């Protein structure tokens, strides 16, 4: 490892001094975000004294905020050089935003085609911290239809999209999911036992698609398939969703085949590798 010497920020660095007004909770968040912006100005790192000087905060306040961010891996501290840097979590969050923008653009034509073929609403979601986050939806034209708002989150195990992603993950990652997030119930049909989850994921792998039969919301059924990146890893999924009156269990296999084909098409357009 090559050590770098402590560095004073350049005079051309533009950093807005942190406002001390406003609610304390919001203020703490604002201060933390502005410290991240400061660290992002230069990849050679900053000493605490320079961070405090440029932010207008006391060294103790700046250190407390930085330590909190370090615990969440949004910043990192090199104890050999006493320099603070932007952390790896910032990269993963930024990468997720980039994927979201790109994947939605690529997926929309496929989602619309699947909606027109099946008549039901089609969702696109990405995985984030144990949840599936809804990115966009192409709504059914039926009067009675499922509507999902962008940004809505649900635990992976409780949705067809999430189960399709879990089924495509390594077994160790599934076990880590269980240890970290557990199996909270959303409805009476939500999977609540680890053994049942493992059985379900095995079924998903065999079929190539996942089925949510009122596990996330009463009265709705979903059929989903995962989207993969260039390494074959699942990061998102699409699902067809509609009322139980229209989506019959006898149609699961046929719908699942169509959803799987659409997900594979999106994976290919993204540059991913389907398994």
C-alpha atoms as a PDB file:
ATOM      1  CA  UNK A   1       0.000   0.000   0.000  1.00  0.00           C
ATOM      2  CA  UNK A   2       1.254   3.451  -0.888  1.00  0.00           C
ATOM      3  CA  UNK A   3       0.644   6.049   1.796  1.00  0.00           C
ATOM      4  CA  UNK A   4      -0.387   9.526   0.777  1.00  0.00           C
ATOM      5  CA  UNK A   5       0.420  12.610   2.793  1.00  0.00           C
ATOM      6  CA  UNK A   6      -2.291  14.604   4.552  1.00  0.00           C
ATOM      7  CA  UNK A   7      -3.657  17.111   2.124  1.00  0.00           C
ATOM      8  CA  UNK A   8      -5.265  20.492   2.514  1.00  0.00           C
ATOM      9  CA  UNK A   9      -8.201  20.976   0.133  1.00  0.00           C
ATOM     10  CA  UNK A  10      -7.404  23.116  -2.862  1.00  0.00           C
ATOM     11  CA  UNK A  11      -8.491  26.748  -2.914  1.00  0.00           C
ATOM     12  CA  UNK A  12     -10.648  26.019  -5.937  1.00  0.00           C
ATOM     13  CA  UNK A  13     -12.788  23.503  -4.020  1.00  0.00           C
ATOM     14  CA  UNK A  14     -16.319  24.855  -3.778  1.00  0.00           C
ATOM     15  CA  UNK A  15     -18.130  23.753  -0.644  1.00  0.00           C
ATOM     16  CA  UNK A  16     -21.200  25.419   0.816  1.00  0.00           C
ATOM     17  CA  UNK A  17     -20.844  26.024   4.518  1.00  0.00           C
ATOM     18  CA  UNK A  18     -23.377  24.031   6.486  1.00  0.00           C
ATOM     19  CA  UNK A  19     -26.479  25.836   7.661  1.00  0.00           C
ATOM     20  CA  UNK A  20     -27.031  25.586  11.400  1.00  0.00           C
ATOM     21  CA  UNK A  21     -30.717  26.481  11.277  1.00  0.00           C
ATOM     22  CA  UNK A  22     -33.737  24.189  11.176  1.00  0.00           C
ATOM     23  CA  UNK A  23     -34.959  21.044  12.870  1.00  0.00           C
ATOM     24  CA  UNK A  24     -32.171  19.096  14.582  1.00  0.00           C
ATOM     25  CA  UNK A  25     -32.940  15.737  12.949  1.00  0.00           C
ATOM     26  CA  UNK A  26     -33.149  17.169   9.437  1.00  0.00           C
ATOM     27  CA  UNK A  27     -30.118  19.320  10.183  1.00  0.00           C
ATOM     28  CA  UNK A  28     -28.034  16.277  11.126  1.00  0.00           C
ATOM     29  CA  UNK A  29     -28.985  14.564   7.887  1.00  0.00           C
ATOM     30  CA  UNK A  30     -28.202  17.698   5.878  1.00  0.00           C
ATOM     31  CA  UNK A  31     -24.813  18.028   7.567  1.00  0.00           C
ATOM     32  CA  UNK A  32     -23.966  14.379   6.890  1.00  0.00           C
ATOM     33  CA  UNK A  33     -24.912  14.694   3.221  1.00  0.00           C
ATOM     34  CA  UNK A  34     -22.825  17.847   2.866  1.00  0.00           C
ATOM     35  CA  UNK A  35     -19.839  16.093   4.403  1.00  0.00           C
ATOM     36  CA  UNK A  36     -20.229  13.409   1.736  1.00  0.00           C
ATOM     37  CA  UNK A  37     -20.313  16.104  -0.934  1.00  0.00           C
ATOM     38  CA  UNK A  38     -17.094  17.554   0.488  1.00  0.00           C
ATOM     39  CA  UNK A  39     -15.342  14.167   0.500  1.00  0.00           C
ATOM     40  CA  UNK A  40     -16.482  13.585  -3.081  1.00  0.00           C
ATOM     41  CA  UNK A  41     -14.640  16.714  -4.212  1.00  0.00           C
ATOM     42  CA  UNK A  42     -11.279  14.943  -4.151  1.00  0.00           C
ATOM     43  CA  UNK A  43     -10.346  11.261  -4.110  1.00  0.00           C
ATOM     44  CA  UNK A  44      -7.070  11.874  -2.221  1.00  0.00           C
ATOM     45  CA  UNK A  45      -8.921  12.171   1.088  1.00  0.00           C
ATOM     46  CA  UNK A  46      -9.256  14.835   3.771  1.00  0.00           C
ATOM     47  CA  UNK A  47      -8.022  15.247   7.327  1.00  0.00           C
ATOM     48  CA  UNK A  48     -10.603  15.877  10.030  1.00  0.00           C
ATOM     49  CA  UNK A  49      -9.251  19.395  10.654  1.00  0.00           C
ATOM     50  CA  UNK A  50      -9.736  20.289   6.986  1.00  0.00           C
ATOM     51  CA  UNK A  51     -13.239  18.813   6.928  1.00  0.00           C
ATOM     52  CA  UNK A  52     -14.175  20.840   9.999  1.00  0.00           C
ATOM     53  CA  UNK A  53     -12.687  24.026   8.551  1.00  0.00           C
ATOM     54  CA  UNK A  54     -14.492  23.716   5.223  1.00  0.00           C
ATOM     55  CA  UNK A  55     -17.820  22.626   6.703  1.00  0.00           C
ATOM     56  CA  UNK A  56     -17.945  25.170   9.479  1.00  0.00           C
ATOM     57  CA  UNK A  57     -18.562  22.426  12.022  1.00  0.00           C
ATOM     58  CA  UNK A  58     -16.579  21.750  15.160  1.00  0.00           C
ATOM     59  CA  UNK A  59     -14.145  18.859  14.906  1.00  0.00           C
ATOM     60  CA  UNK A  60     -16.182  16.871  17.456  1.00  0.00           C
ATOM     61  CA  UNK A  61     -19.436  17.295  15.501  1.00  0.00           C
ATOM     62  CA  UNK A  62     -17.771  16.462  12.189  1.00  0.00           C
ATOM     63  CA  UNK A  63     -16.134  13.395  13.737  1.00  0.00           C
ATOM     64  CA  UNK A  64     -19.430  12.157  15.189  1.00  0.00           C
ATOM     65  CA  UNK A  65     -21.152  12.440  11.805  1.00  0.00           C
ATOM     66  CA  UNK A  66     -18.249  10.811   9.981  1.00  0.00           C
ATOM     67  CA  UNK A  67     -18.147   7.922  12.437  1.00  0.00           C
ATOM     68  CA  UNK A  68     -21.851   7.296  11.927  1.00  0.00           C
ATOM     69  CA  UNK A  69     -21.382   7.334   8.159  1.00  0.00           C
ATOM     70  CA  UNK A  70     -18.386   5.018   8.517  1.00  0.00           C
ATOM     71  CA  UNK A  71     -20.524   2.468  10.374  1.00  0.00           C
ATOM     72  CA  UNK A  72     -22.832   2.358   7.353  1.00  0.00           C
ATOM     73  CA  UNK A  73     -19.818   2.271   4.956  1.00  0.00           C
ATOM     74  CA  UNK A  74     -20.714   5.601   3.348  1.00  0.00           C
ATOM     75  CA  UNK A  75     -17.268   6.893   4.351  1.00  0.00           C
ATOM     76  CA  UNK A  76     -14.031   5.146   5.244  1.00  0.00           C
ATOM     77  CA  UNK A  77     -11.120   6.185   7.448  1.00  0.00           C
ATOM     78  CA  UNK A  78      -7.521   5.236   6.736  1.00  0.00           C
ATOM     79  CA  UNK A  79      -5.886   4.904  10.159  1.00  0.00           C
ATOM     80  CA  UNK A  80      -2.394   4.910   8.661  1.00  0.00           C
ATOM     81  CA  UNK A  81      -2.761   8.318   7.011  1.00  0.00           C
ATOM     82  CA  UNK A  82      -5.606   9.766   9.154  1.00  0.00           C
ATOM     83  CA  UNK A  83      -7.537  10.581   5.988  1.00  0.00           C
ATOM     84  CA  UNK A  84     -11.271  10.291   5.357  1.00  0.00           C
ATOM     85  CA  UNK A  85     -12.650   9.095   2.009  1.00  0.00           C
ATOM     86  CA  UNK A  86     -15.987   8.397   0.371  1.00  0.00           C
ATOM     87  CA  UNK A  87     -16.989   4.800   1.205  1.00  0.00           C
ATOM     88  CA  UNK A  88     -18.046   1.831  -0.887  1.00  0.00           C
ATOM     89  CA  UNK A  89     -21.729   2.209   0.027  1.00  0.00           C
ATOM     90  CA  UNK A  90     -21.866   5.481  -1.921  1.00  0.00           C
ATOM     91  CA  UNK A  91     -20.792   3.584  -5.004  1.00  0.00           C
ATOM     92  CA  UNK A  92     -23.452   0.885  -4.563  1.00  0.00           C
ATOM     93  CA  UNK A  93     -26.188   3.478  -4.037  1.00  0.00           C
ATOM     94  CA  UNK A  94     -25.059   5.444  -7.083  1.00  0.00           C
ATOM     95  CA  UNK A  95     -24.823   2.293  -9.162  1.00  0.00           C
ATOM     96  CA  UNK A  96     -28.366   1.348  -8.156  1.00  0.00           C
ATOM     97  CA  UNK A  97     -29.618   4.743  -9.348  1.00  0.00           C
ATOM     98  CA  UNK A  98     -27.836   4.290 -12.662  1.00  0.00           C
ATOM     99  CA  UNK A  99     -29.309   0.804 -13.075  1.00  0.00           C
ATOM    100  CA  UNK A 100     -32.771   2.087 -12.246  1.00  0.00           C
ATOM    101  CA  UNK A 101     -32.661   4.784 -14.914  1.00  0.00           C
ATOM    102  CA  UNK A 102     -31.217   2.507 -17.550  1.00  0.00           C
ATOM    103  CA  UNK A 103     -33.274  -0.579 -16.839  1.00  0.00           C
ATOM    104  CA  UNK A 104     -36.574   1.336 -16.876  1.00  0.00           C
ATOM    105  CA  UNK A 105     -35.764   2.827 -20.270  1.00  0.00           C
ATOM    106  CA  UNK A 106     -34.805  -0.550 -21.719  1.00  0.00           C
ATOM    107  CA  UNK A 107     -37.698  -2.427 -20.155  1.00  0.00           C
ATOM    108  CA  UNK A 108     -40.659  -0.197 -21.030  1.00  0.00           C
ATOM    109  CA  UNK A 109     -41.238  -1.467 -24.599  1.00  0.00           C
ATOM    110  CA  UNK A 110     -41.154  -5.060 -23.340  1.00  0.00           C
ATOM    111  CA  UNK A 111     -43.464  -4.259 -20.420  1.00  0.00           C
ATOM    112  CA  UNK A 112     -45.977  -2.568 -22.718  1.00  0.00           C
ATOM    113  CA  UNK A 113     -45.959  -5.510 -25.110  1.00  0.00           C
ATOM    114  CA  UNK A 114     -46.545  -7.958 -22.267  1.00  0.00           C
ATOM    115  CA  UNK A 115     -49.370  -5.779 -20.922  1.00  0.00           C
ATOM    116  CA  UNK A 116     -51.021  -5.668 -24.360  1.00  0.00           C
ATOM    117  CA  UNK A 117     -50.679  -9.435 -24.770  1.00  0.00           C
ATOM    118  CA  UNK A 118     -52.021 -10.390 -21.343  1.00  0.00           C
ATOM    119  CA  UNK A 119     -54.256  -7.438 -20.471  1.00  0.00           C
ATOM    120  CA  UNK A 120     -52.809  -7.156 -16.963  1.00  0.00           C
ATOM    121  CA  UNK A 121     -50.558  -4.629 -15.215  1.00  0.00           C
ATOM    122  CA  UNK A 122     -46.809  -5.262 -15.486  1.00  0.00           C
ATOM    123  CA  UNK A 123     -44.314  -4.181 -12.800  1.00  0.00           C
ATOM    124  CA  UNK A 124     -40.573  -3.594 -12.830  1.00  0.00           C
ATOM    125  CA  UNK A 125     -38.622  -3.671  -9.563  1.00  0.00           C
ATOM    126  CA  UNK A 126     -35.048  -3.773  -8.293  1.00  0.00           C
ATOM    127  CA  UNK A 127     -33.641  -5.364  -5.151  1.00  0.00           C
ATOM    128  CA  UNK A 128     -32.394  -3.086  -2.376  1.00  0.00           C
ATOM    129  CA  UNK A 129     -31.498  -3.959   1.236  1.00  0.00           C
ATOM    130  CA  UNK A 130     -33.779  -6.970   1.522  1.00  0.00           C
ATOM    131  CA  UNK A 131     -36.686  -5.331  -0.314  1.00  0.00           C
ATOM    132  CA  UNK A 132     -38.030  -5.178  -3.814  1.00  0.00           C
ATOM    133  CA  UNK A 133     -38.449  -1.513  -4.824  1.00  0.00           C
ATOM    134  CA  UNK A 134     -41.046  -0.806  -7.498  1.00  0.00           C
ATOM    135  CA  UNK A 135     -39.459   1.242 -10.273  1.00  0.00           C
ATOM    136  CA  UNK A 136     -42.276   1.556 -12.777  1.00  0.00           C
ATOM    137  CA  UNK A 137     -45.541  -0.016 -13.860  1.00  0.00           C
ATOM    138  CA  UNK A 138     -47.409  -0.310 -17.124  1.00  0.00           C
ATOM    139  CA  UNK A 139     -51.051  -0.336 -16.025  1.00  0.00           C
ATOM    140  CA  UNK A 140     -53.741  -2.653 -17.302  1.00  0.00           C
ATOM    141  CA  UNK A 141     -56.544  -1.024 -19.266  1.00  0.00           C
ATOM    142  CA  UNK A 142     -59.126  -2.986 -17.282  1.00  0.00           C
ATOM    143  CA  UNK A 143     -61.404  -1.087 -14.891  1.00  0.00           C
ATOM    144  CA  UNK A 144     -60.389  -3.369 -12.034  1.00  0.00           C
ATOM    145  CA  UNK A 145     -56.604  -3.445 -12.018  1.00  0.00           C
ATOM    146  CA  UNK A 146     -53.612  -3.504  -9.684  1.00  0.00           C
ATOM    147  CA  UNK A 147     -51.804  -0.183  -9.312  1.00  0.00           C
ATOM    148  CA  UNK A 148     -48.283   0.091  -7.900  1.00  0.00           C
ATOM    149  CA  UNK A 149     -46.547   3.371  -7.131  1.00  0.00           C
ATOM    150  CA  UNK A 150     -42.841   3.876  -7.926  1.00  0.00           C
ATOM    151  CA  UNK A 151     -40.786   3.738  -4.748  1.00  0.00           C
ATOM    152  CA  UNK A 152     -43.091   1.283  -2.963  1.00  0.00           C
ATOM    153  CA  UNK A 153     -41.080  -1.337  -1.061  1.00  0.00           C
ATOM    154  CA  UNK A 154     -41.920  -4.857   0.049  1.00  0.00           C
ATOM    155  CA  UNK A 155     -39.750  -7.637   1.528  1.00  0.00           C
ATOM    156  CA  UNK A 156     -38.287  -9.994  -1.056  1.00  0.00           C
ATOM    157  CA  UNK A 157     -39.854 -13.144   0.389  1.00  0.00           C
ATOM    158  CA  UNK A 158     -43.353 -11.616   0.301  1.00  0.00           C
ATOM    159  CA  UNK A 159     -43.525 -10.874  -3.427  1.00  0.00           C
ATOM    160  CA  UNK A 160     -43.208 -12.847  -6.645  1.00  0.00           C
ATOM    161  CA  UNK A 161     -40.526 -10.435  -7.886  1.00  0.00           C
ATOM    162  CA  UNK A 162     -38.566 -10.861  -4.676  1.00  0.00           C
ATOM    163  CA  UNK A 163     -38.881 -14.638  -4.690  1.00  0.00           C
ATOM    164  CA  UNK A 164     -37.656 -14.805  -8.286  1.00  0.00           C
ATOM    165  CA  UNK A 165     -34.578 -12.828  -7.220  1.00  0.00           C
ATOM    166  CA  UNK A 166     -33.980 -14.973  -4.121  1.00  0.00           C
ATOM    167  CA  UNK A 167     -34.289 -18.127  -6.232  1.00  0.00           C
ATOM    168  CA  UNK A 168     -31.525 -16.864  -8.512  1.00  0.00           C
ATOM    169  CA  UNK A 169     -29.198 -16.035  -5.608  1.00  0.00           C
ATOM    170  CA  UNK A 170     -26.555 -18.303  -4.095  1.00  0.00           C
ATOM    171  CA  UNK A 171     -27.721 -20.379  -1.142  1.00  0.00           C
ATOM    172  CA  UNK A 172     -25.370 -18.532   1.248  1.00  0.00           C
ATOM    173  CA  UNK A 173     -26.944 -15.231   0.197  1.00  0.00           C
ATOM    174  CA  UNK A 174     -30.430 -16.591   0.864  1.00  0.00           C
ATOM    175  CA  UNK A 175     -29.341 -17.699   4.345  1.00  0.00           C
ATOM    176  CA  UNK A 176     -27.882 -14.246   4.965  1.00  0.00           C
ATOM    177  CA  UNK A 177     -31.193 -12.695   3.885  1.00  0.00           C
ATOM    178  CA  UNK A 178     -33.033 -14.870   6.417  1.00  0.00           C
ATOM    179  CA  UNK A 179     -30.605 -13.977   9.222  1.00  0.00           C
ATOM    180  CA  UNK A 180     -30.760 -10.272   8.461  1.00  0.00           C
ATOM    181  CA  UNK A 181     -34.394  -9.635   7.569  1.00  0.00           C
ATOM    182  CA  UNK A 182     -36.408 -12.605   8.822  1.00  0.00           C
ATOM    183  CA  UNK A 183     -39.809 -13.463   7.362  1.00  0.00           C
ATOM    184  CA  UNK A 184     -42.337 -10.809   8.424  1.00  0.00           C
ATOM    185  CA  UNK A 185     -45.925 -11.598   7.424  1.00  0.00           C
ATOM    186  CA  UNK A 186     -47.833  -9.279   5.100  1.00  0.00           C
ATOM    187  CA  UNK A 187     -50.964 -11.434   4.717  1.00  0.00           C
ATOM    188  CA  UNK A 188     -52.098 -14.834   5.971  1.00  0.00           C
ATOM    189  CA  UNK A 189     -50.517 -16.365   2.845  1.00  0.00           C
ATOM    190  CA  UNK A 190     -47.055 -14.821   3.284  1.00  0.00           C
ATOM    191  CA  UNK A 191     -44.247 -17.353   3.689  1.00  0.00           C
ATOM    192  CA  UNK A 192     -43.358 -17.383   7.391  1.00  0.00           C
ATOM    193  CA  UNK A 193     -41.082 -20.439   7.712  1.00  0.00           C
ATOM    194  CA  UNK A 194     -37.556 -20.824   6.398  1.00  0.00           C
ATOM    195  CA  UNK A 195     -38.261 -24.397   5.292  1.00  0.00           C
ATOM    196  CA  UNK A 196     -41.239 -23.250   3.255  1.00  0.00           C
ATOM    197  CA  UNK A 197     -39.168 -20.489   1.664  1.00  0.00           C
ATOM    198  CA  UNK A 198     -36.513 -22.978   0.576  1.00  0.00           C
ATOM    199  CA  UNK A 199     -39.212 -25.257  -0.896  1.00  0.00           C
ATOM    200  CA  UNK A 200     -40.735 -22.319  -2.741  1.00  0.00           C
ATOM    201  CA  UNK A 201     -37.401 -21.190  -4.161  1.00  0.00           C
ATOM    202  CA  UNK A 202     -36.732 -24.721  -5.419  1.00  0.00           C
ATOM    203  CA  UNK A 203     -40.103 -24.632  -7.191  1.00  0.00           C
ATOM    204  CA  UNK A 204     -39.247 -21.244  -8.699  1.00  0.00           C
ATOM    205  CA  UNK A 205     -35.950 -22.587 -10.054  1.00  0.00           C
ATOM    206  CA  UNK A 206     -37.699 -25.554 -11.659  1.00  0.00           C
ATOM    207  CA  UNK A 207     -40.507 -23.492 -13.189  1.00  0.00           C
ATOM    208  CA  UNK A 208     -38.436 -20.466 -14.175  1.00  0.00           C
ATOM    209  CA  UNK A 209     -40.935 -18.067 -12.593  1.00  0.00           C
ATOM    210  CA  UNK A 210     -42.329 -17.199  -9.147  1.00  0.00           C
ATOM    211  CA  UNK A 211     -45.963 -17.032  -8.053  1.00  0.00           C
ATOM    212  CA  UNK A 212     -47.433 -14.758  -5.396  1.00  0.00           C
ATOM    213  CA  UNK A 213     -50.913 -16.012  -4.543  1.00  0.00           C
ATOM    214  CA  UNK A 214     -52.147 -13.254  -2.211  1.00  0.00           C
ATOM    215  CA  UNK A 215     -48.878 -13.297  -0.249  1.00  0.00           C
ATOM    216  CA  UNK A 216     -48.308  -9.545  -0.577  1.00  0.00           C
ATOM    217  CA  UNK A 217     -51.859  -8.234  -0.943  1.00  0.00           C
ATOM    218  CA  UNK A 218     -55.238  -9.924  -0.501  1.00  0.00           C
ATOM    219  CA  UNK A 219     -57.107 -10.281  -3.783  1.00  0.00           C
ATOM    220  CA  UNK A 220     -54.044 -10.080  -6.036  1.00  0.00           C
ATOM    221  CA  UNK A 221     -51.907 -12.674  -7.776  1.00  0.00           C
ATOM    222  CA  UNK A 222     -48.496 -12.062  -9.359  1.00  0.00           C
ATOM    223  CA  UNK A 223     -46.218 -14.074 -11.620  1.00  0.00           C
ATOM    224  CA  UNK A 224     -42.595 -12.870 -11.836  1.00  0.00           C
ATOM    225  CA  UNK A 225     -39.171 -13.626 -13.285  1.00  0.00           C
ATOM    226  CA  UNK A 226     -35.733 -12.208 -12.455  1.00  0.00           C
ATOM    227  CA  UNK A 227     -33.537  -9.904 -14.536  1.00  0.00           C
ATOM    228  CA  UNK A 228     -29.784 -10.547 -14.401  1.00  0.00           C
ATOM    229  CA  UNK A 229     -26.630  -8.510 -14.926  1.00  0.00           C
ATOM    230  CA  UNK A 230     -23.598  -9.318 -17.059  1.00  0.00           C
ATOM    231  CA  UNK A 231     -22.364 -11.785 -14.428  1.00  0.00           C
ATOM    232  CA  UNK A 232     -25.655 -13.652 -14.307  1.00  0.00           C
ATOM    233  CA  UNK A 233     -26.547 -12.158 -10.909  1.00  0.00           C
ATOM    234  CA  UNK A 234     -30.163 -11.141 -10.252  1.00  0.00           C
ATOM    235  CA  UNK A 235     -30.723  -7.465  -9.464  1.00  0.00           C
ATOM    236  CA  UNK A 236     -34.314  -6.910 -10.524  1.00  0.00           C
ATOM    237  CA  UNK A 237     -37.462  -8.571 -11.786  1.00  0.00           C
ATOM    238  CA  UNK A 238     -40.689  -8.037 -13.675  1.00  0.00           C
ATOM    239  CA  UNK A 239     -44.109  -9.273 -12.653  1.00  0.00           C
ATOM    240  CA  UNK A 240     -47.589  -9.563 -14.055  1.00  0.00           C
ATOM    241  CA  UNK A 241     -50.204  -8.654 -11.453  1.00  0.00           C
ATOM    242  CA  UNK A 242     -53.980  -8.789 -11.434  1.00  0.00           C
ATOM    243  CA  UNK A 243     -57.045  -9.709  -9.403  1.00  0.00           C
ATOM    244  CA  UNK A 244     -57.590 -13.322  -8.399  1.00  0.00           C
ATOM    245  CA  UNK A 245     -60.858 -13.325 -10.355  1.00  0.00           C
ATOM    246  CA  UNK A 246     -58.954 -12.988 -13.649  1.00  0.00           C
ATOM    247  CA  UNK A 247     -55.641 -14.738 -12.939  1.00  0.00           C
ATOM    248  CA  UNK A 248     -56.550 -18.384 -12.444  1.00  0.00           C
ATOM    249  CA  UNK A 249     -54.170 -20.991 -11.092  1.00  0.00           C
ATOM    250  CA  UNK A 250     -54.690 -22.999 -14.286  1.00  0.00           C
ATOM    251  CA  UNK A 251     -53.098 -20.104 -16.204  1.00  0.00           C
ATOM    252  CA  UNK A 252     -49.945 -19.854 -14.043  1.00  0.00           C
ATOM    253  CA  UNK A 253     -47.732 -21.955 -16.323  1.00  0.00           C
ATOM    254  CA  UNK A 254     -48.724 -20.166 -19.534  1.00  0.00           C
ATOM    255  CA  UNK A 255     -48.390 -16.716 -17.997  1.00  0.00           C
ATOM    256  CA  UNK A 256     -45.120 -17.707 -16.325  1.00  0.00           C
ATOM    257  CA  UNK A 257     -43.631 -18.706 -19.674  1.00  0.00           C
ATOM    258  CA  UNK A 258     -44.542 -15.310 -21.154  1.00  0.00           C
ATOM    259  CA  UNK A 259     -43.162 -13.413 -18.140  1.00  0.00           C
ATOM    260  CA  UNK A 260     -39.941 -15.462 -18.190  1.00  0.00           C
ATOM    261  CA  UNK A 261     -39.449 -14.713 -21.904  1.00  0.00           C
ATOM    262  CA  UNK A 262     -40.001 -10.983 -21.297  1.00  0.00           C
ATOM    263  CA  UNK A 263     -37.522 -10.953 -18.393  1.00  0.00           C
ATOM    264  CA  UNK A 264     -34.923 -12.729 -20.548  1.00  0.00           C
ATOM    265  CA  UNK A 265     -35.467 -10.168 -23.297  1.00  0.00           C
ATOM    266  CA  UNK A 266     -34.828  -7.322 -20.842  1.00  0.00           C
ATOM    267  CA  UNK A 267     -31.756  -9.134 -19.496  1.00  0.00           C
ATOM    268  CA  UNK A 268     -30.377  -9.386 -23.037  1.00  0.00           C
ATOM    269  CA  UNK A 269     -31.118  -5.714 -23.781  1.00  0.00           C
ATOM    270  CA  UNK A 270     -29.331  -4.749 -20.562  1.00  0.00           C
ATOM    271  CA  UNK A 271     -26.294  -6.784 -21.545  1.00  0.00           C
ATOM    272  CA  UNK A 272     -26.978  -9.378 -18.884  1.00  0.00           C
ATOM    273  CA  UNK A 273     -26.514 -13.112 -18.968  1.00  0.00           C
ATOM    274  CA  UNK A 274     -29.532 -15.344 -18.475  1.00  0.00           C
ATOM    275  CA  UNK A 275     -29.114 -18.785 -16.896  1.00  0.00           C
END
